[in-house]
Amino acid sequence: MTTPATQLSPARPWGVGRLAPYPTTVHRPHTTVTIDSETQVGVFRDRLGQVVEMGKHGTSSGTETSTNTNTDSAPDQGHDQDSQQD
């Protein structure tokens, strides 16, 4: 026998117990970001339209190789990783 929807009691969503207040926010000095059409780099501007320097960041690259030996019975697998950052 099914209970009519009007007789069901509301259930507390399972994720409610996992909620927490938002962390403290940080005011960023820019209000808009556009892409420079020639350099394809983001340009940050403040409320007055002046360019804001947002700091530098580097680039990184990495490679990973896998090794596989003895493929006809119990394979022995491993891998190597390396990375470079400037």
PDB file of N, CA and C in Angstrom:
ATOM      1  N   MET A   1       0.839  -1.171   0.000  1.00  0.00           N
ATOM      2  CA  MET A   1       0.000   0.000   0.000  1.00  0.00           C
ATOM      3  C   MET A   1       0.890   1.242   0.000  1.00  0.00           C
ATOM      4  N   THR A   2       0.609   2.167  -0.856  1.00  0.00           N
ATOM      5  CA  THR A   2       1.392   3.398  -0.930  1.00  0.00           C
ATOM      6  C   THR A   2       0.693   4.500  -0.162  1.00  0.00           C
ATOM      7  N   THR A   3       1.513   5.376   0.403  1.00  0.00           N
ATOM      8  CA  THR A   3       0.991   6.497   1.176  1.00  0.00           C
ATOM      9  C   THR A   3       0.828   7.689   0.253  1.00  0.00           C
ATOM     10  N   PRO A   4      -0.275   8.384   0.317  1.00  0.00           N
ATOM     11  CA  PRO A   4      -0.444   9.576  -0.526  1.00  0.00           C
ATOM     12  C   PRO A   4       0.628  10.610  -0.199  1.00  0.00           C
ATOM     13  N   ALA A   5       1.006  11.385  -1.185  1.00  0.00           N
ATOM     14  CA  ALA A   5       2.062  12.384  -1.018  1.00  0.00           C
ATOM     15  C   ALA A   5       1.720  13.403   0.051  1.00  0.00           C
ATOM     16  N   THR A   6       0.462  13.652   0.274  1.00  0.00           N
ATOM     17  CA  THR A   6       0.075  14.644   1.283  1.00  0.00           C
ATOM     18  C   THR A   6       0.349  14.154   2.692  1.00  0.00           C
ATOM     19  N   GLN A   7       0.528  12.866   2.908  1.00  0.00           N
ATOM     20  CA  GLN A   7       0.765  12.318   4.237  1.00  0.00           C
ATOM     21  C   GLN A   7       2.238  12.061   4.519  1.00  0.00           C
ATOM     22  N   LEU A   8       3.117  12.293   3.537  1.00  0.00           N
ATOM     23  CA  LEU A   8       4.545  12.068   3.754  1.00  0.00           C
ATOM     24  C   LEU A   8       5.123  13.194   4.585  1.00  0.00           C
ATOM     25  N   SER A   9       5.991  12.845   5.508  1.00  0.00           N
ATOM     26  CA  SER A   9       6.655  13.891   6.289  1.00  0.00           C
ATOM     27  C   SER A   9       7.928  14.305   5.556  1.00  0.00           C
ATOM     28  N   PRO A  10       8.249  15.591   5.588  1.00  0.00           N
ATOM     29  CA  PRO A  10       9.446  16.041   4.875  1.00  0.00           C
ATOM     30  C   PRO A  10      10.704  15.450   5.505  1.00  0.00           C
ATOM     31  N   ALA A  11      11.619  15.045   4.672  1.00  0.00           N
ATOM     32  CA  ALA A  11      12.886  14.480   5.146  1.00  0.00           C
ATOM     33  C   ALA A  11      13.975  15.533   5.055  1.00  0.00           C
ATOM     34  N   ARG A  12      14.887  15.493   5.991  1.00  0.00           N
ATOM     35  CA  ARG A  12      16.017  16.410   5.976  1.00  0.00           C
ATOM     36  C   ARG A  12      17.002  15.927   4.906  1.00  0.00           C
ATOM     37  N   PRO A  13      17.419  16.798   3.974  1.00  0.00           N
ATOM     38  CA  PRO A  13      18.376  16.384   2.941  1.00  0.00           C
ATOM     39  C   PRO A  13      19.663  15.848   3.567  1.00  0.00           C
ATOM     40  N   TRP A  14      20.223  14.803   3.004  1.00  0.00           N
ATOM     41  CA  TRP A  14      21.390  14.144   3.597  1.00  0.00           C
ATOM     42  C   TRP A  14      22.601  15.052   3.677  1.00  0.00           C
ATOM     43  N   GLY A  15      22.745  16.026   2.770  1.00  0.00           N
ATOM     44  CA  GLY A  15      23.934  16.870   2.744  1.00  0.00           C
ATOM     45  C   GLY A  15      23.910  18.029   3.721  1.00  0.00           C
ATOM     46  N   VAL A  16      22.771  18.268   4.388  1.00  0.00           N
ATOM     47  CA  VAL A  16      22.668  19.410   5.293  1.00  0.00           C
ATOM     48  C   VAL A  16      23.685  19.327   6.420  1.00  0.00           C
ATOM     49  N   GLY A  17      23.953  18.153   6.923  1.00  0.00           N
ATOM     50  CA  GLY A  17      24.915  17.991   8.012  1.00  0.00           C
ATOM     51  C   GLY A  17      26.350  18.262   7.576  1.00  0.00           C
ATOM     52  N   ARG A  18      26.590  18.297   6.286  1.00  0.00           N
ATOM     53  CA  ARG A  18      27.940  18.541   5.766  1.00  0.00           C
ATOM     54  C   ARG A  18      28.195  20.015   5.480  1.00  0.00           C
ATOM     55  N   LEU A  19      27.177  20.844   5.567  1.00  0.00           N
ATOM     56  CA  LEU A  19      27.323  22.261   5.256  1.00  0.00           C
ATOM     57  C   LEU A  19      28.161  22.973   6.307  1.00  0.00           C
ATOM     58  N   ALA A  20      28.871  23.967   5.871  1.00  0.00           N
ATOM     59  CA  ALA A  20      29.675  24.804   6.759  1.00  0.00           C
ATOM     60  C   ALA A  20      29.616  26.229   6.225  1.00  0.00           C
ATOM     61  N   PRO A  21      29.892  27.203   7.079  1.00  0.00           N
ATOM     62  CA  PRO A  21      29.887  28.589   6.587  1.00  0.00           C
ATOM     63  C   PRO A  21      30.958  28.779   5.516  1.00  0.00           C
ATOM     64  N   TYR A  22      30.703  29.704   4.602  1.00  0.00           N
ATOM     65  CA  TYR A  22      31.701  30.029   3.599  1.00  0.00           C
ATOM     66  C   TYR A  22      32.944  30.586   4.270  1.00  0.00           C
ATOM     67  N   PRO A  23      34.118  30.299   3.732  1.00  0.00           N
ATOM     68  CA  PRO A  23      35.334  30.877   4.310  1.00  0.00           C
ATOM     69  C   PRO A  23      35.355  32.393   4.103  1.00  0.00           C
ATOM     70  N   THR A  24      36.179  33.046   4.860  1.00  0.00           N
ATOM     71  CA  THR A  24      36.308  34.491   4.727  1.00  0.00           C
ATOM     72  C   THR A  24      36.736  34.828   3.310  1.00  0.00           C
ATOM     73  N   THR A  25      36.066  35.786   2.723  1.00  0.00           N
ATOM     74  CA  THR A  25      36.405  36.166   1.354  1.00  0.00           C
ATOM     75  C   THR A  25      37.505  37.221   1.356  1.00  0.00           C
ATOM     76  N   VAL A  26      38.206  37.290   0.243  1.00  0.00           N
ATOM     77  CA  VAL A  26      39.292  38.248   0.082  1.00  0.00           C
ATOM     78  C   VAL A  26      38.911  39.193  -1.043  1.00  0.00           C
ATOM     79  N   HIS A  27      39.031  40.490  -0.797  1.00  0.00           N
ATOM     80  CA  HIS A  27      38.723  41.480  -1.828  1.00  0.00           C
ATOM     81  C   HIS A  27      39.873  41.537  -2.818  1.00  0.00           C
ATOM     82  N   ARG A  28      39.590  41.308  -4.077  1.00  0.00           N
ATOM     83  CA  ARG A  28      40.593  41.392  -5.126  1.00  0.00           C
ATOM     84  C   ARG A  28      40.610  42.813  -5.684  1.00  0.00           C
ATOM     85  N   PRO A  29      41.791  43.293  -6.076  1.00  0.00           N
ATOM     86  CA  PRO A  29      41.886  44.676  -6.529  1.00  0.00           C
ATOM     87  C   PRO A  29      41.363  44.930  -7.943  1.00  0.00           C
ATOM     88  N   HIS A  30      40.857  43.924  -8.615  1.00  0.00           N
ATOM     89  CA  HIS A  30      40.371  44.146  -9.982  1.00  0.00           C
ATOM     90  C   HIS A  30      38.856  43.984 -10.037  1.00  0.00           C
ATOM     91  N   THR A  31      38.259  44.580 -11.026  1.00  0.00           N
ATOM     92  CA  THR A  31      36.817  44.423 -11.214  1.00  0.00           C
ATOM     93  C   THR A  31      36.473  43.774 -12.541  1.00  0.00           C
ATOM     94  N   THR A  32      37.372  43.858 -13.526  1.00  0.00           N
ATOM     95  CA  THR A  32      37.118  43.213 -14.811  1.00  0.00           C
ATOM     96  C   THR A  32      38.390  42.543 -15.315  1.00  0.00           C
ATOM     97  N   VAL A  33      38.191  41.544 -16.130  1.00  0.00           N
ATOM     98  CA  VAL A  33      39.301  40.861 -16.793  1.00  0.00           C
ATOM     99  C   VAL A  33      38.930  40.742 -18.260  1.00  0.00           C
ATOM    100  N   THR A  34      39.830  41.179 -19.122  1.00  0.00           N
ATOM    101  CA  THR A  34      39.620  41.036 -20.562  1.00  0.00           C
ATOM    102  C   THR A  34      40.840  40.341 -21.155  1.00  0.00           C
ATOM    103  N   ILE A  35      40.728  39.874 -22.363  1.00  0.00           N
ATOM    104  CA  ILE A  35      41.835  39.217 -23.051  1.00  0.00           C
ATOM    105  C   ILE A  35      42.410  40.177 -24.082  1.00  0.00           C
ATOM    106  N   ASP A  36      43.714  40.411 -24.003  1.00  0.00           N
ATOM    107  CA  ASP A  36      44.396  41.233 -25.003  1.00  0.00           C
ATOM    108  C   ASP A  36      44.403  40.447 -26.310  1.00  0.00           C
ATOM    109  N   SER A  37      43.876  41.035 -27.373  1.00  0.00           N
ATOM    110  CA  SER A  37      43.724  40.304 -28.634  1.00  0.00           C
ATOM    111  C   SER A  37      45.061  39.954 -29.282  1.00  0.00           C
ATOM    112  N   GLU A  38      46.107  40.723 -29.015  1.00  0.00           N
ATOM    113  CA  GLU A  38      47.411  40.426 -29.630  1.00  0.00           C
ATOM    114  C   GLU A  38      48.212  39.408 -28.836  1.00  0.00           C
ATOM    115  N   THR A  39      48.231  39.546 -27.509  1.00  0.00           N
ATOM    116  CA  THR A  39      49.061  38.650 -26.685  1.00  0.00           C
ATOM    117  C   THR A  39      48.295  37.458 -26.132  1.00  0.00           C
ATOM    118  N   GLN A  40      46.960  37.519 -26.176  1.00  0.00           N
ATOM    119  CA  GLN A  40      46.106  36.463 -25.617  1.00  0.00           C
ATOM    120  C   GLN A  40      46.337  36.286 -24.116  1.00  0.00           C
ATOM    121  N   VAL A  41      46.655  37.376 -23.426  1.00  0.00           N
ATOM    122  CA  VAL A  41      46.904  37.376 -21.986  1.00  0.00           C
ATOM    123  C   VAL A  41      45.786  38.159 -21.313  1.00  0.00           C
ATOM    124  N   GLY A  42      45.384  37.716 -20.125  1.00  0.00           N
ATOM    125  CA  GLY A  42      44.350  38.423 -19.388  1.00  0.00           C
ATOM    126  C   GLY A  42      44.848  39.774 -18.896  1.00  0.00           C
ATOM    127  N   VAL A  43      43.995  40.792 -19.022  1.00  0.00           N
ATOM    128  CA  VAL A  43      44.301  42.137 -18.550  1.00  0.00           C
ATOM    129  C   VAL A  43      43.298  42.473 -17.447  1.00  0.00           C
ATOM    130  N   PHE A  44      43.798  42.706 -16.239  1.00  0.00           N
ATOM    131  CA  PHE A  44      42.963  42.998 -15.085  1.00  0.00           C
ATOM    132  C   PHE A  44      42.869  44.508 -14.918  1.00  0.00           C
ATOM    133  N   ARG A  45      41.656  45.024 -14.717  1.00  0.00           N
ATOM    134  CA  ARG A  45      41.452  46.467 -14.554  1.00  0.00           C
ATOM    135  C   ARG A  45      40.664  46.730 -13.274  1.00  0.00           C
ATOM    136  N   ASP A  46      40.980  47.863 -12.617  1.00  0.00           N
ATOM    137  CA  ASP A  46      40.263  48.260 -11.413  1.00  0.00           C
ATOM    138  C   ASP A  46      38.994  49.016 -11.773  1.00  0.00           C
ATOM    139  N   ARG A  47      38.312  49.577 -10.760  1.00  0.00           N
ATOM    140  CA  ARG A  47      37.051  50.278 -10.996  1.00  0.00           C
ATOM    141  C   ARG A  47      37.199  51.504 -11.871  1.00  0.00           C
ATOM    142  N   LEU A  48      38.405  52.071 -11.894  1.00  0.00           N
ATOM    143  CA  LEU A  48      38.645  53.265 -12.705  1.00  0.00           C
ATOM    144  C   LEU A  48      39.132  52.941 -14.110  1.00  0.00           C
ATOM    145  N   GLY A  49      39.296  51.655 -14.429  1.00  0.00           N
ATOM    146  CA  GLY A  49      39.759  51.254 -15.746  1.00  0.00           C
ATOM    147  C   GLY A  49      41.265  51.164 -15.870  1.00  0.00           C
ATOM    148  N   GLN A  50      41.974  51.390 -14.765  1.00  0.00           N
ATOM    149  CA  GLN A  50      43.429  51.310 -14.773  1.00  0.00           C
ATOM    150  C   GLN A  50      43.872  49.845 -14.690  1.00  0.00           C
ATOM    151  N   VAL A  51      44.938  49.486 -15.397  1.00  0.00           N
ATOM    152  CA  VAL A  51      45.459  48.113 -15.384  1.00  0.00           C
ATOM    153  C   VAL A  51      46.052  47.818 -14.015  1.00  0.00           C
ATOM    154  N   VAL A  52      45.718  46.654 -13.464  1.00  0.00           N
ATOM    155  CA  VAL A  52      46.210  46.208 -12.170  1.00  0.00           C
ATOM    156  C   VAL A  52      47.146  45.029 -12.396  1.00  0.00           C
ATOM    157  N   GLU A  53      48.351  45.082 -11.836  1.00  0.00           N
ATOM    158  CA  GLU A  53      49.302  43.964 -11.940  1.00  0.00           C
ATOM    159  C   GLU A  53      48.867  42.881 -10.960  1.00  0.00           C
ATOM    160  N   MET A  54      48.651  41.682 -11.456  1.00  0.00           N
ATOM    161  CA  MET A  54      48.179  40.586 -10.614  1.00  0.00           C
ATOM    162  C   MET A  54      49.289  39.608 -10.248  1.00  0.00           C
ATOM    163  N   GLY A  55      50.540  39.971 -10.493  1.00  0.00           N
ATOM    164  CA  GLY A  55      51.637  39.081 -10.130  1.00  0.00           C
ATOM    165  C   GLY A  55      51.968  38.130 -11.258  1.00  0.00           C
ATOM    166  N   LYS A  56      53.084  37.481 -11.107  1.00  0.00           N
ATOM    167  CA  LYS A  56      53.556  36.560 -12.140  1.00  0.00           C
ATOM    168  C   LYS A  56      53.357  35.123 -11.675  1.00  0.00           C
ATOM    169  N   HIS A  57      53.275  34.243 -12.615  1.00  0.00           N
ATOM    170  CA  HIS A  57      53.249  32.824 -12.318  1.00  0.00           C
ATOM    171  C   HIS A  57      54.060  32.097 -13.382  1.00  0.00           C
ATOM    172  N   GLY A  58      54.585  30.972 -13.008  1.00  0.00           N
ATOM    173  CA  GLY A  58      55.415  30.207 -13.928  1.00  0.00           C
ATOM    174  C   GLY A  58      54.602  29.205 -14.723  1.00  0.00           C
ATOM    175  N   THR A  59      55.295  28.487 -15.531  1.00  0.00           N
ATOM    176  CA  THR A  59      54.675  27.418 -16.293  1.00  0.00           C
ATOM    177  C   THR A  59      55.349  26.118 -15.902  1.00  0.00           C
ATOM    178  N   SER A  60      54.681  25.044 -16.102  1.00  0.00           N
ATOM    179  CA  SER A  60      55.273  23.752 -15.766  1.00  0.00           C
ATOM    180  C   SER A  60      54.877  22.733 -16.822  1.00  0.00           C
ATOM    181  N   SER A  61      55.671  21.693 -16.912  1.00  0.00           N
ATOM    182  CA  SER A  61      55.350  20.587 -17.808  1.00  0.00           C
ATOM    183  C   SER A  61      55.826  19.311 -17.147  1.00  0.00           C
ATOM    184  N   GLY A  62      55.227  18.230 -17.500  1.00  0.00           N
ATOM    185  CA  GLY A  62      55.605  16.963 -16.905  1.00  0.00           C
ATOM    186  C   GLY A  62      55.405  15.826 -17.879  1.00  0.00           C
ATOM    187  N   THR A  63      56.102  14.745 -17.620  1.00  0.00           N
ATOM    188  CA  THR A  63      55.940  13.543 -18.438  1.00  0.00           C
ATOM    189  C   THR A  63      55.815  12.348 -17.515  1.00  0.00           C
ATOM    190  N   GLU A  64      55.135  11.341 -17.978  1.00  0.00           N
ATOM    191  CA  GLU A  64      55.008  10.104 -17.227  1.00  0.00           C
ATOM    192  C   GLU A  64      55.130   8.957 -18.217  1.00  0.00           C
ATOM    193  N   THR A  65      55.960   8.004 -17.894  1.00  0.00           N
ATOM    194  CA  THR A  65      56.102   6.827 -18.736  1.00  0.00           C
ATOM    195  C   THR A  65      55.779   5.594 -17.913  1.00  0.00           C
ATOM    196  N   SER A  66      55.128   4.646 -18.528  1.00  0.00           N
ATOM    197  CA  SER A  66      54.835   3.405 -17.827  1.00  0.00           C
ATOM    198  C   SER A  66      55.717   2.295 -18.384  1.00  0.00           C
ATOM    199  N   THR A  67      56.057   1.394 -17.507  1.00  0.00           N
ATOM    200  CA  THR A  67      56.861   0.245 -17.920  1.00  0.00           C
ATOM    201  C   THR A  67      56.063  -1.015 -17.662  1.00  0.00           C
ATOM    202  N   ASN A  68      56.269  -1.979 -18.510  1.00  0.00           N
ATOM    203  CA  ASN A  68      55.540  -3.231 -18.394  1.00  0.00           C
ATOM    204  C   ASN A  68      56.495  -4.350 -18.788  1.00  0.00           C
ATOM    205  N   THR A  69      56.740  -5.270 -17.884  1.00  0.00           N
ATOM    206  CA  THR A  69      57.623  -6.399 -18.182  1.00  0.00           C
ATOM    207  C   THR A  69      56.855  -7.699 -17.986  1.00  0.00           C
ATOM    208  N   ASN A  70      57.319  -8.734 -18.633  1.00  0.00           N
ATOM    209  CA  ASN A  70      56.739 -10.063 -18.493  1.00  0.00           C
ATOM    210  C   ASN A  70      55.244 -10.048 -18.800  1.00  0.00           C
ATOM    211  N   THR A  71      54.889  -9.694 -20.013  1.00  0.00           N
ATOM    212  CA  THR A  71      53.485  -9.552 -20.396  1.00  0.00           C
ATOM    213  C   THR A  71      52.771 -10.888 -20.600  1.00  0.00           C
ATOM    214  N   ASP A  72      53.490 -12.017 -20.635  1.00  0.00           N
ATOM    215  CA  ASP A  72      52.818 -13.282 -20.900  1.00  0.00           C
ATOM    216  C   ASP A  72      52.289 -13.970 -19.642  1.00  0.00           C
ATOM    217  N   SER A  73      52.717 -13.590 -18.436  1.00  0.00           N
ATOM    218  CA  SER A  73      52.143 -14.190 -17.225  1.00  0.00           C
ATOM    219  C   SER A  73      51.762 -13.059 -16.265  1.00  0.00           C
ATOM    220  N   ALA A  74      52.346 -13.010 -15.111  1.00  0.00           N
ATOM    221  CA  ALA A  74      52.010 -11.968 -14.135  1.00  0.00           C
ATOM    222  C   ALA A  74      52.819 -10.710 -14.468  1.00  0.00           C
ATOM    223  N   PRO A  75      52.166  -9.703 -15.039  1.00  0.00           N
ATOM    224  CA  PRO A  75      52.915  -8.515 -15.440  1.00  0.00           C
ATOM    225  C   PRO A  75      53.446  -7.736 -14.236  1.00  0.00           C
ATOM    226  N   ASP A  76      54.613  -7.186 -14.415  1.00  0.00           N
ATOM    227  CA  ASP A  76      55.232  -6.329 -13.412  1.00  0.00           C
ATOM    228  C   ASP A  76      55.194  -4.921 -13.981  1.00  0.00           C
ATOM    229  N   GLN A  77      54.413  -4.055 -13.354  1.00  0.00           N
ATOM    230  CA  GLN A  77      54.230  -2.720 -13.892  1.00  0.00           C
ATOM    231  C   GLN A  77      54.868  -1.674 -12.988  1.00  0.00           C
ATOM    232  N   GLY A  78      55.290  -0.587 -13.602  1.00  0.00           N
ATOM    233  CA  GLY A  78      55.827   0.551 -12.870  1.00  0.00           C
ATOM    234  C   GLY A  78      55.697   1.777 -13.732  1.00  0.00           C
ATOM    235  N   HIS A  79      56.098   2.913 -13.169  1.00  0.00           N
ATOM    236  CA  HIS A  79      56.060   4.137 -13.967  1.00  0.00           C
ATOM    237  C   HIS A  79      57.072   5.131 -13.411  1.00  0.00           C
ATOM    238  N   ASP A  80      57.467   6.066 -14.271  1.00  0.00           N
ATOM    239  CA  ASP A  80      58.387   7.140 -13.907  1.00  0.00           C
ATOM    240  C   ASP A  80      57.678   8.462 -14.149  1.00  0.00           C
ATOM    241  N   GLN A  81      58.006   9.453 -13.308  1.00  0.00           N
ATOM    242  CA  GLN A  81      57.455  10.789 -13.501  1.00  0.00           C
ATOM    243  C   GLN A  81      58.570  11.814 -13.371  1.00  0.00           C
ATOM    244  N   ASP A  82      58.474  12.876 -14.131  1.00  0.00           N
ATOM    245  CA  ASP A  82      59.364  14.004 -13.939  1.00  0.00           C
ATOM    246  C   ASP A  82      58.610  15.282 -14.278  1.00  0.00           C
ATOM    247  N   SER A  83      59.085  16.386 -13.755  1.00  0.00           N
ATOM    248  CA  SER A  83      58.430  17.657 -14.032  1.00  0.00           C
ATOM    249  C   SER A  83      59.459  18.755 -14.071  1.00  0.00           C
ATOM    250  N   GLN A  84      59.119  19.821 -14.773  1.00  0.00           N
ATOM    251  CA  GLN A  84      59.957  20.998 -14.869  1.00  0.00           C
ATOM    252  C   GLN A  84      59.086  22.210 -14.630  1.00  0.00           C
ATOM    253  N   GLN A  85      59.605  23.168 -13.872  1.00  0.00           N
ATOM    254  CA  GLN A  85      58.852  24.390 -13.612  1.00  0.00           C
ATOM    255  C   GLN A  85      59.793  25.565 -13.681  1.00  0.00           C
ATOM    256  N   ASP A  86      59.329  26.650 -14.275  1.00  0.00           N
ATOM    257  CA  ASP A  86      60.134  27.866 -14.288  1.00  0.00           C
ATOM    258  C   ASP A  86      59.389  29.010 -13.657  1.00  0.00           C
TER     259      ASP A  86
END
